[in-house]
Amino acid sequence: MNLTRHCHHCGEPWTISGQPGRGEVCMKCRADLRCCLNCQSHDPRVAQQCRARRAEPVLEKAAGNFCEYFEFARRHWEPRAVKLSREDAARAHLKKLFGD
């Protein structure tokens, strides 16, 4: 199980050592790399979706920003197409429950 630093949008690996700069974009899909969605402090379940309590709130989580607490997250890549919506997941769970 290899954790990698990669683009939040397309999964293209970040192979350069160090942190991306504010203007760095993914070479494959041109998405901003230094953004909340690529940060290890990003957590959709907490206030302002950030675990760094001293960080300034950012409205556009997918846009590049100047946050000084940014640390590129190492994680497994899961394509967005594979993830089910909440409604689809609930339907699949019910079908499994009732044996349909």
PDB file of N, CA and C in Angstrom:
ATOM      1  N   MET A   1       0.846  -1.177   0.000  1.00  0.00           N
ATOM      2  CA  MET A   1       0.000   0.000   0.000  1.00  0.00           C
ATOM      3  C   MET A   1       0.887   1.233   0.000  1.00  0.00           C
ATOM      4  N   ASN A   2       1.039   1.804  -1.172  1.00  0.00           N
ATOM      5  CA  ASN A   2       1.942   2.928  -1.350  1.00  0.00           C
ATOM      6  C   ASN A   2       1.164   4.241  -1.343  1.00  0.00           C
ATOM      7  N   LEU A   3       1.465   5.116  -0.404  1.00  0.00           N
ATOM      8  CA  LEU A   3       0.844   6.429  -0.351  1.00  0.00           C
ATOM      9  C   LEU A   3       1.618   7.368  -1.260  1.00  0.00           C
ATOM     10  N   THR A   4       0.905   8.142  -2.061  1.00  0.00           N
ATOM     11  CA  THR A   4       1.564   9.069  -2.983  1.00  0.00           C
ATOM     12  C   THR A   4       0.990  10.471  -2.830  1.00  0.00           C
ATOM     13  N   ARG A   5       1.765  11.429  -3.271  1.00  0.00           N
ATOM     14  CA  ARG A   5       1.280  12.803  -3.381  1.00  0.00           C
ATOM     15  C   ARG A   5       0.822  12.950  -4.826  1.00  0.00           C
ATOM     16  N   HIS A   6      -0.431  13.339  -5.017  1.00  0.00           N
ATOM     17  CA  HIS A   6      -0.972  13.394  -6.369  1.00  0.00           C
ATOM     18  C   HIS A   6      -2.040  14.483  -6.484  1.00  0.00           C
ATOM     19  N   CYS A   7      -2.395  14.784  -7.723  1.00  0.00           N
ATOM     20  CA  CYS A   7      -3.425  15.778  -8.025  1.00  0.00           C
ATOM     21  C   CYS A   7      -4.769  15.290  -7.489  1.00  0.00           C
ATOM     22  N   HIS A   8      -5.498  16.172  -6.826  1.00  0.00           N
ATOM     23  CA  HIS A   8      -6.800  15.807  -6.277  1.00  0.00           C
ATOM     24  C   HIS A   8      -7.827  15.551  -7.367  1.00  0.00           C
ATOM     25  N   HIS A   9      -7.601  16.096  -8.546  1.00  0.00           N
ATOM     26  CA  HIS A   9      -8.588  16.008  -9.626  1.00  0.00           C
ATOM     27  C   HIS A   9      -8.412  14.780 -10.509  1.00  0.00           C
ATOM     28  N   CYS A  10      -7.197  14.511 -10.950  1.00  0.00           N
ATOM     29  CA  CYS A  10      -6.980  13.434 -11.928  1.00  0.00           C
ATOM     30  C   CYS A  10      -6.079  12.309 -11.407  1.00  0.00           C
ATOM     31  N   GLY A  11      -5.368  12.524 -10.303  1.00  0.00           N
ATOM     32  CA  GLY A  11      -4.519  11.489  -9.741  1.00  0.00           C
ATOM     33  C   GLY A  11      -3.098  11.457 -10.266  1.00  0.00           C
ATOM     34  N   GLU A  12      -2.721  12.407 -11.096  1.00  0.00           N
ATOM     35  CA  GLU A  12      -1.353  12.476 -11.619  1.00  0.00           C
ATOM     36  C   GLU A  12      -0.377  12.638 -10.449  1.00  0.00           C
ATOM     37  N   PRO A  13       0.621  11.763 -10.321  1.00  0.00           N
ATOM     38  CA  PRO A  13       1.550  11.841  -9.184  1.00  0.00           C
ATOM     39  C   PRO A  13       2.428  13.095  -9.223  1.00  0.00           C
ATOM     40  N   TRP A  14       2.735  13.616  -8.046  1.00  0.00           N
ATOM     41  CA  TRP A  14       3.674  14.731  -7.879  1.00  0.00           C
ATOM     42  C   TRP A  14       5.002  14.102  -7.509  1.00  0.00           C
ATOM     43  N   THR A  15       5.965  14.119  -8.417  1.00  0.00           N
ATOM     44  CA  THR A  15       7.229  13.425  -8.201  1.00  0.00           C
ATOM     45  C   THR A  15       8.364  14.356  -7.789  1.00  0.00           C
ATOM     46  N   ILE A  16       8.152  15.644  -7.827  1.00  0.00           N
ATOM     47  CA  ILE A  16       9.180  16.609  -7.461  1.00  0.00           C
ATOM     48  C   ILE A  16       9.256  16.703  -5.939  1.00  0.00           C
ATOM     49  N   SER A  17      10.473  16.740  -5.402  1.00  0.00           N
ATOM     50  CA  SER A  17      10.605  16.853  -3.950  1.00  0.00           C
ATOM     51  C   SER A  17      10.187  18.253  -3.507  1.00  0.00           C
ATOM     52  N   GLY A  18       9.723  18.357  -2.292  1.00  0.00           N
ATOM     53  CA  GLY A  18       9.284  19.639  -1.764  1.00  0.00           C
ATOM     54  C   GLY A  18       7.805  19.894  -2.035  1.00  0.00           C
ATOM     55  N   GLN A  19       7.370  21.097  -1.649  1.00  0.00           N
ATOM     56  CA  GLN A  19       5.976  21.489  -1.796  1.00  0.00           C
ATOM     57  C   GLN A  19       5.765  22.247  -3.105  1.00  0.00           C
ATOM     58  N   PRO A  20       4.586  22.124  -3.714  1.00  0.00           N
ATOM     59  CA  PRO A  20       4.317  22.920  -4.909  1.00  0.00           C
ATOM     60  C   PRO A  20       4.119  24.384  -4.542  1.00  0.00           C
ATOM     61  N   GLY A  21       4.495  25.272  -5.451  1.00  0.00           N
ATOM     62  CA  GLY A  21       4.271  26.692  -5.251  1.00  0.00           C
ATOM     63  C   GLY A  21       2.832  27.065  -5.542  1.00  0.00           C
ATOM     64  N   ARG A  22       2.454  28.305  -5.229  1.00  0.00           N
ATOM     65  CA  ARG A  22       1.081  28.733  -5.407  1.00  0.00           C
ATOM     66  C   ARG A  22       0.626  28.646  -6.856  1.00  0.00           C
ATOM     67  N   GLY A  23       1.508  28.854  -7.788  1.00  0.00           N
ATOM     68  CA  GLY A  23       1.156  28.827  -9.205  1.00  0.00           C
ATOM     69  C   GLY A  23       1.308  27.468  -9.871  1.00  0.00           C
ATOM     70  N   GLU A  24       1.753  26.459  -9.133  1.00  0.00           N
ATOM     71  CA  GLU A  24       1.960  25.131  -9.718  1.00  0.00           C
ATOM     72  C   GLU A  24       0.630  24.490 -10.088  1.00  0.00           C
ATOM     73  N   VAL A  25       0.591  23.909 -11.276  1.00  0.00           N
ATOM     74  CA  VAL A  25      -0.609  23.210 -11.736  1.00  0.00           C
ATOM     75  C   VAL A  25      -0.237  21.793 -12.165  1.00  0.00           C
ATOM     76  N   CYS A  26      -1.211  20.931 -12.188  1.00  0.00           N
ATOM     77  CA  CYS A  26      -1.025  19.555 -12.628  1.00  0.00           C
ATOM     78  C   CYS A  26      -0.679  19.550 -14.109  1.00  0.00           C
ATOM     79  N   MET A  27       0.301  18.764 -14.484  1.00  0.00           N
ATOM     80  CA  MET A  27       0.723  18.713 -15.887  1.00  0.00           C
ATOM     81  C   MET A  27      -0.302  17.993 -16.759  1.00  0.00           C
ATOM     82  N   LYS A  28      -1.165  17.205 -16.158  1.00  0.00           N
ATOM     83  CA  LYS A  28      -2.149  16.443 -16.919  1.00  0.00           C
ATOM     84  C   LYS A  28      -3.469  17.201 -17.093  1.00  0.00           C
ATOM     85  N   CYS A  29      -4.030  17.732 -15.990  1.00  0.00           N
ATOM     86  CA  CYS A  29      -5.361  18.341 -16.074  1.00  0.00           C
ATOM     87  C   CYS A  29      -5.374  19.845 -15.795  1.00  0.00           C
ATOM     88  N   ARG A  30      -4.234  20.422 -15.454  1.00  0.00           N
ATOM     89  CA  ARG A  30      -4.077  21.854 -15.200  1.00  0.00           C
ATOM     90  C   ARG A  30      -4.805  22.342 -13.941  1.00  0.00           C
ATOM     91  N   ALA A  31      -5.118  21.443 -13.004  1.00  0.00           N
ATOM     92  CA  ALA A  31      -5.737  21.836 -11.733  1.00  0.00           C
ATOM     93  C   ALA A  31      -4.658  22.382 -10.802  1.00  0.00           C
ATOM     94  N   ASP A  32      -5.012  23.348  -9.957  1.00  0.00           N
ATOM     95  CA  ASP A  32      -4.068  23.893  -8.978  1.00  0.00           C
ATOM     96  C   ASP A  32      -3.635  22.792  -8.015  1.00  0.00           C
ATOM     97  N   LEU A  33      -2.330  22.754  -7.707  1.00  0.00           N
ATOM     98  CA  LEU A  33      -1.824  21.739  -6.793  1.00  0.00           C
ATOM     99  C   LEU A  33      -1.744  22.232  -5.355  1.00  0.00           C
ATOM    100  N   ARG A  34      -1.409  23.501  -5.170  1.00  0.00           N
ATOM    101  CA  ARG A  34      -1.332  24.044  -3.804  1.00  0.00           C
ATOM    102  C   ARG A  34      -2.715  24.587  -3.435  1.00  0.00           C
ATOM    103  N   CYS A  35      -3.601  23.655  -3.109  1.00  0.00           N
ATOM    104  CA  CYS A  35      -4.971  24.013  -2.762  1.00  0.00           C
ATOM    105  C   CYS A  35      -5.417  23.169  -1.569  1.00  0.00           C
ATOM    106  N   CYS A  36      -6.510  23.535  -0.977  1.00  0.00           N
ATOM    107  CA  CYS A  36      -7.007  22.837   0.213  1.00  0.00           C
ATOM    108  C   CYS A  36      -7.263  21.353  -0.041  1.00  0.00           C
ATOM    109  N   LEU A  37      -7.757  21.009  -1.227  1.00  0.00           N
ATOM    110  CA  LEU A  37      -8.089  19.620  -1.516  1.00  0.00           C
ATOM    111  C   LEU A  37      -6.862  18.716  -1.564  1.00  0.00           C
ATOM    112  N   ASN A  38      -5.662  19.279  -1.696  1.00  0.00           N
ATOM    113  CA  ASN A  38      -4.423  18.501  -1.684  1.00  0.00           C
ATOM    114  C   ASN A  38      -3.688  18.580  -0.352  1.00  0.00           C
ATOM    115  N   CYS A  39      -4.253  19.261   0.622  1.00  0.00           N
ATOM    116  CA  CYS A  39      -3.572  19.475   1.901  1.00  0.00           C
ATOM    117  C   CYS A  39      -3.928  18.388   2.911  1.00  0.00           C
ATOM    118  N   GLN A  40      -2.969  18.003   3.727  1.00  0.00           N
ATOM    119  CA  GLN A  40      -3.223  16.988   4.744  1.00  0.00           C
ATOM    120  C   GLN A  40      -4.154  17.506   5.837  1.00  0.00           C
ATOM    121  N   SER A  41      -4.307  18.806   5.979  1.00  0.00           N
ATOM    122  CA  SER A  41      -5.206  19.373   6.993  1.00  0.00           C
ATOM    123  C   SER A  41      -6.648  19.465   6.509  1.00  0.00           C
ATOM    124  N   HIS A  42      -6.884  19.230   5.228  1.00  0.00           N
ATOM    125  CA  HIS A  42      -8.252  19.304   4.699  1.00  0.00           C
ATOM    126  C   HIS A  42      -9.089  18.153   5.252  1.00  0.00           C
ATOM    127  N   ASP A  43     -10.225  18.509   5.852  1.00  0.00           N
ATOM    128  CA  ASP A  43     -11.149  17.512   6.406  1.00  0.00           C
ATOM    129  C   ASP A  43     -12.563  18.073   6.271  1.00  0.00           C
ATOM    130  N   PRO A  44     -13.399  17.495   5.403  1.00  0.00           N
ATOM    131  CA  PRO A  44     -14.744  18.023   5.193  1.00  0.00           C
ATOM    132  C   PRO A  44     -15.643  17.945   6.428  1.00  0.00           C
ATOM    133  N   ARG A  45     -15.226  17.219   7.465  1.00  0.00           N
ATOM    134  CA  ARG A  45     -16.065  17.040   8.643  1.00  0.00           C
ATOM    135  C   ARG A  45     -15.838  18.073   9.739  1.00  0.00           C
ATOM    136  N   VAL A  46     -14.870  18.970   9.582  1.00  0.00           N
ATOM    137  CA  VAL A  46     -14.599  19.959  10.632  1.00  0.00           C
ATOM    138  C   VAL A  46     -14.951  21.359  10.141  1.00  0.00           C
ATOM    139  N   ALA A  47     -14.950  22.321  11.071  1.00  0.00           N
ATOM    140  CA  ALA A  47     -15.275  23.707  10.731  1.00  0.00           C
ATOM    141  C   ALA A  47     -14.312  24.246   9.684  1.00  0.00           C
ATOM    142  N   GLN A  48     -14.836  24.953   8.717  1.00  0.00           N
ATOM    143  CA  GLN A  48     -14.072  25.531   7.600  1.00  0.00           C
ATOM    144  C   GLN A  48     -13.335  24.464   6.800  1.00  0.00           C
ATOM    145  N   GLN A  49     -13.621  23.198   7.042  1.00  0.00           N
ATOM    146  CA  GLN A  49     -13.019  22.050   6.354  1.00  0.00           C
ATOM    147  C   GLN A  49     -11.500  22.018   6.486  1.00  0.00           C
ATOM    148  N   CYS A  50     -10.991  22.486   7.623  1.00  0.00           N
ATOM    149  CA  CYS A  50      -9.541  22.524   7.841  1.00  0.00           C
ATOM    150  C   CYS A  50      -9.222  22.215   9.301  1.00  0.00           C
ATOM    151  N   ARG A  51      -8.271  21.297   9.519  1.00  0.00           N
ATOM    152  CA  ARG A  51      -7.867  20.948  10.875  1.00  0.00           C
ATOM    153  C   ARG A  51      -6.817  21.910  11.433  1.00  0.00           C
ATOM    154  N   ALA A  52      -6.222  22.741  10.585  1.00  0.00           N
ATOM    155  CA  ALA A  52      -5.252  23.735  11.054  1.00  0.00           C
ATOM    156  C   ALA A  52      -6.037  24.904  11.634  1.00  0.00           C
ATOM    157  N   ARG A  53      -6.096  24.997  12.935  1.00  0.00           N
ATOM    158  CA  ARG A  53      -6.960  25.983  13.602  1.00  0.00           C
ATOM    159  C   ARG A  53      -6.543  27.424  13.356  1.00  0.00           C
ATOM    160  N   ARG A  54      -5.271  27.650  13.117  1.00  0.00           N
ATOM    161  CA  ARG A  54      -4.792  29.027  12.930  1.00  0.00           C
ATOM    162  C   ARG A  54      -4.854  29.487  11.483  1.00  0.00           C
ATOM    163  N   ALA A  55      -5.197  28.599  10.564  1.00  0.00           N
ATOM    164  CA  ALA A  55      -5.232  28.950   9.134  1.00  0.00           C
ATOM    165  C   ALA A  55      -6.421  29.859   8.825  1.00  0.00           C
ATOM    166  N   GLU A  56      -6.203  30.772   7.907  1.00  0.00           N
ATOM    167  CA  GLU A  56      -7.278  31.649   7.451  1.00  0.00           C
ATOM    168  C   GLU A  56      -8.291  30.829   6.647  1.00  0.00           C
ATOM    169  N   PRO A  57      -9.590  31.098   6.785  1.00  0.00           N
ATOM    170  CA  PRO A  57     -10.593  30.356   6.007  1.00  0.00           C
ATOM    171  C   PRO A  57     -10.440  30.603   4.508  1.00  0.00           C
ATOM    172  N   VAL A  58     -10.604  29.541   3.724  1.00  0.00           N
ATOM    173  CA  VAL A  58     -10.506  29.614   2.264  1.00  0.00           C
ATOM    174  C   VAL A  58     -11.848  29.192   1.692  1.00  0.00           C
ATOM    175  N   LEU A  59     -12.429  30.020   0.828  1.00  0.00           N
ATOM    176  CA  LEU A  59     -13.739  29.695   0.260  1.00  0.00           C
ATOM    177  C   LEU A  59     -13.646  28.684  -0.869  1.00  0.00           C
ATOM    178  N   GLU A  60     -12.702  28.871  -1.787  1.00  0.00           N
ATOM    179  CA  GLU A  60     -12.543  27.982  -2.934  1.00  0.00           C
ATOM    180  C   GLU A  60     -11.502  26.920  -2.601  1.00  0.00           C
ATOM    181  N   LYS A  61     -11.950  25.737  -2.225  1.00  0.00           N
ATOM    182  CA  LYS A  61     -11.038  24.676  -1.780  1.00  0.00           C
ATOM    183  C   LYS A  61     -10.195  24.105  -2.916  1.00  0.00           C
ATOM    184  N   ALA A  62     -10.656  24.214  -4.160  1.00  0.00           N
ATOM    185  CA  ALA A  62      -9.914  23.670  -5.298  1.00  0.00           C
ATOM    186  C   ALA A  62      -8.996  24.702  -5.956  1.00  0.00           C
ATOM    187  N   ALA A  63      -9.046  25.944  -5.494  1.00  0.00           N
ATOM    188  CA  ALA A  63      -8.222  27.010  -6.078  1.00  0.00           C
ATOM    189  C   ALA A  63      -6.915  27.161  -5.302  1.00  0.00           C
ATOM    190  N   GLY A  64      -5.861  27.549  -6.000  1.00  0.00           N
ATOM    191  CA  GLY A  64      -4.573  27.789  -5.356  1.00  0.00           C
ATOM    192  C   GLY A  64      -4.687  28.892  -4.327  1.00  0.00           C
ATOM    193  N   ASN A  65      -3.921  28.768  -3.231  1.00  0.00           N
ATOM    194  CA  ASN A  65      -3.965  29.790  -2.196  1.00  0.00           C
ATOM    195  C   ASN A  65      -2.595  29.956  -1.548  1.00  0.00           C
ATOM    196  N   PHE A  66      -2.505  30.886  -0.630  1.00  0.00           N
ATOM    197  CA  PHE A  66      -1.239  31.217   0.018  1.00  0.00           C
ATOM    198  C   PHE A  66      -1.139  30.669   1.442  1.00  0.00           C
ATOM    199  N   CYS A  67      -1.903  29.658   1.786  1.00  0.00           N
ATOM    200  CA  CYS A  67      -1.931  29.147   3.159  1.00  0.00           C
ATOM    201  C   CYS A  67      -0.525  28.698   3.578  1.00  0.00           C
ATOM    202  N   GLU A  68      -0.074  29.218   4.710  1.00  0.00           N
ATOM    203  CA  GLU A  68       1.263  28.875   5.194  1.00  0.00           C
ATOM    204  C   GLU A  68       1.297  27.529   5.905  1.00  0.00           C
ATOM    205  N   TYR A  69       0.145  26.929   6.147  1.00  0.00           N
ATOM    206  CA  TYR A  69       0.074  25.622   6.812  1.00  0.00           C
ATOM    207  C   TYR A  69      -0.084  24.471   5.823  1.00  0.00           C
ATOM    208  N   PHE A  70       0.019  24.768   4.533  1.00  0.00           N
ATOM    209  CA  PHE A  70      -0.148  23.744   3.503  1.00  0.00           C
ATOM    210  C   PHE A  70       0.936  22.680   3.602  1.00  0.00           C
ATOM    211  N   GLU A  71       0.519  21.424   3.613  1.00  0.00           N
ATOM    212  CA  GLU A  71       1.420  20.280   3.567  1.00  0.00           C
ATOM    213  C   GLU A  71       0.786  19.274   2.612  1.00  0.00           C
ATOM    214  N   PHE A  72       1.476  18.968   1.521  1.00  0.00           N
ATOM    215  CA  PHE A  72       0.923  18.077   0.492  1.00  0.00           C
ATOM    216  C   PHE A  72       0.611  16.710   1.110  1.00  0.00           C
ATOM    217  N   ALA A  73      -0.626  16.287   0.990  1.00  0.00           N
ATOM    218  CA  ALA A  73      -1.080  15.031   1.595  1.00  0.00           C
ATOM    219  C   ALA A  73      -0.578  13.821   0.822  1.00  0.00           C
ATOM    220  N   ARG A  74      -0.218  12.791   1.545  1.00  0.00           N
ATOM    221  CA  ARG A  74       0.130  11.496   0.951  1.00  0.00           C
ATOM    222  C   ARG A  74      -1.057  10.579   1.184  1.00  0.00           C
ATOM    223  N   ARG A  75      -1.604  10.030   0.094  1.00  0.00           N
ATOM    224  CA  ARG A  75      -2.804   9.200   0.193  1.00  0.00           C
ATOM    225  C   ARG A  75      -2.911   8.263  -0.996  1.00  0.00           C
ATOM    226  N   HIS A  76      -3.891   7.396  -0.957  1.00  0.00           N
ATOM    227  CA  HIS A  76      -4.182   6.502  -2.079  1.00  0.00           C
ATOM    228  C   HIS A  76      -5.094   7.242  -3.052  1.00  0.00           C
ATOM    229  N   TRP A  77      -4.899   7.021  -4.335  1.00  0.00           N
ATOM    230  CA  TRP A  77      -5.728   7.671  -5.340  1.00  0.00           C
ATOM    231  C   TRP A  77      -6.965   6.823  -5.600  1.00  0.00           C
ATOM    232  N   GLU A  78      -8.138   7.441  -5.504  1.00  0.00           N
ATOM    233  CA  GLU A  78      -9.404   6.814  -5.857  1.00  0.00           C
ATOM    234  C   GLU A  78     -10.076   7.698  -6.888  1.00  0.00           C
ATOM    235  N   PRO A  79     -10.272   7.194  -8.105  1.00  0.00           N
ATOM    236  CA  PRO A  79     -10.943   8.008  -9.130  1.00  0.00           C
ATOM    237  C   PRO A  79     -12.342   8.408  -8.682  1.00  0.00           C
ATOM    238  N   ARG A  80     -12.752   9.600  -9.043  1.00  0.00           N
ATOM    239  CA  ARG A  80     -14.069  10.097  -8.655  1.00  0.00           C
ATOM    240  C   ARG A  80     -15.203   9.282  -9.270  1.00  0.00           C
ATOM    241  N   ALA A  81     -14.994   8.732 -10.453  1.00  0.00           N
ATOM    242  CA  ALA A  81     -16.048   7.977 -11.121  1.00  0.00           C
ATOM    243  C   ALA A  81     -16.412   6.720 -10.330  1.00  0.00           C
ATOM    244  N   VAL A  82     -15.489   6.184  -9.560  1.00  0.00           N
ATOM    245  CA  VAL A  82     -15.732   4.965  -8.793  1.00  0.00           C
ATOM    246  C   VAL A  82     -16.574   5.249  -7.554  1.00  0.00           C
ATOM    247  N   LYS A  83     -16.434   6.425  -6.985  1.00  0.00           N
ATOM    248  CA  LYS A  83     -17.163   6.767  -5.775  1.00  0.00           C
ATOM    249  C   LYS A  83     -18.653   6.919  -6.084  1.00  0.00           C
ATOM    250  N   LEU A  84     -19.485   6.326  -5.251  1.00  0.00           N
ATOM    251  CA  LEU A  84     -20.923   6.439  -5.410  1.00  0.00           C
ATOM    252  C   LEU A  84     -21.423   7.682  -4.697  1.00  0.00           C
ATOM    253  N   SER A  85     -22.503   8.259  -5.231  1.00  0.00           N
ATOM    254  CA  SER A  85     -23.121   9.361  -4.520  1.00  0.00           C
ATOM    255  C   SER A  85     -23.783   8.796  -3.265  1.00  0.00           C
ATOM    256  N   ARG A  86     -24.146   9.633  -2.371  1.00  0.00           N
ATOM    257  CA  ARG A  86     -24.747   9.188  -1.118  1.00  0.00           C
ATOM    258  C   ARG A  86     -26.054   8.426  -1.386  1.00  0.00           C
ATOM    259  N   GLU A  87     -26.832   8.930  -2.335  1.00  0.00           N
ATOM    260  CA  GLU A  87     -28.099   8.282  -2.686  1.00  0.00           C
ATOM    261  C   GLU A  87     -27.857   6.903  -3.307  1.00  0.00           C
ATOM    262  N   ASP A  88     -26.903   6.811  -4.236  1.00  0.00           N
ATOM    263  CA  ASP A  88     -26.604   5.534  -4.879  1.00  0.00           C
ATOM    264  C   ASP A  88     -26.071   4.514  -3.871  1.00  0.00           C
ATOM    265  N   ALA A  89     -25.254   4.991  -2.933  1.00  0.00           N
ATOM    266  CA  ALA A  89     -24.722   4.098  -1.914  1.00  0.00           C
ATOM    267  C   ALA A  89     -25.846   3.569  -1.022  1.00  0.00           C
ATOM    268  N   ALA A  90     -26.805   4.423  -0.687  1.00  0.00           N
ATOM    269  CA  ALA A  90     -27.936   3.996   0.138  1.00  0.00           C
ATOM    270  C   ALA A  90     -28.791   2.970  -0.607  1.00  0.00           C
ATOM    271  N   ARG A  91     -29.027   3.219  -1.900  1.00  0.00           N
ATOM    272  CA  ARG A  91     -29.804   2.266  -2.708  1.00  0.00           C
ATOM    273  C   ARG A  91     -29.080   0.909  -2.799  1.00  0.00           C
ATOM    274  N   ALA A  92     -27.784   0.933  -3.008  1.00  0.00           N
ATOM    275  CA  ALA A  92     -27.015  -0.299  -3.094  1.00  0.00           C
ATOM    276  C   ALA A  92     -27.067  -1.050  -1.768  1.00  0.00           C
ATOM    277  N   HIS A  93     -27.010  -0.315  -0.666  1.00  0.00           N
ATOM    278  CA  HIS A  93     -27.080  -0.940   0.656  1.00  0.00           C
ATOM    279  C   HIS A  93     -28.442  -1.596   0.866  1.00  0.00           C
ATOM    280  N   LEU A  94     -29.527  -0.920   0.465  1.00  0.00           N
ATOM    281  CA  LEU A  94     -30.873  -1.493   0.599  1.00  0.00           C
ATOM    282  C   LEU A  94     -31.039  -2.732  -0.266  1.00  0.00           C
ATOM    283  N   LYS A  95     -30.528  -2.688  -1.489  1.00  0.00           N
ATOM    284  CA  LYS A  95     -30.612  -3.849  -2.371  1.00  0.00           C
ATOM    285  C   LYS A  95     -29.877  -5.039  -1.765  1.00  0.00           C
ATOM    286  N   LYS A  96     -28.719  -4.754  -1.184  1.00  0.00           N
ATOM    287  CA  LYS A  96     -27.928  -5.810  -0.553  1.00  0.00           C
ATOM    288  C   LYS A  96     -28.669  -6.367   0.666  1.00  0.00           C
ATOM    289  N   LEU A  97     -29.316  -5.486   1.419  1.00  0.00           N
ATOM    290  CA  LEU A  97     -30.048  -5.875   2.621  1.00  0.00           C
ATOM    291  C   LEU A  97     -31.236  -6.778   2.302  1.00  0.00           C
ATOM    292  N   PHE A  98     -31.973  -6.428   1.252  1.00  0.00           N
ATOM    293  CA  PHE A  98     -33.179  -7.174   0.892  1.00  0.00           C
ATOM    294  C   PHE A  98     -32.914  -8.263  -0.140  1.00  0.00           C
ATOM    295  N   GLY A  99     -31.687  -8.424  -0.562  1.00  0.00           N
ATOM    296  CA  GLY A  99     -31.332  -9.489  -1.472  1.00  0.00           C
ATOM    297  C   GLY A  99     -31.808  -9.293  -2.902  1.00  0.00           C
ATOM    298  N   ASP A 100     -31.983  -8.073  -3.316  1.00  0.00           N
ATOM    299  CA  ASP A 100     -32.401  -7.781  -4.710  1.00  0.00           C
ATOM    300  C   ASP A 100     -31.232  -7.776  -5.642  1.00  0.00           C
TER     301      ASP A 100
END
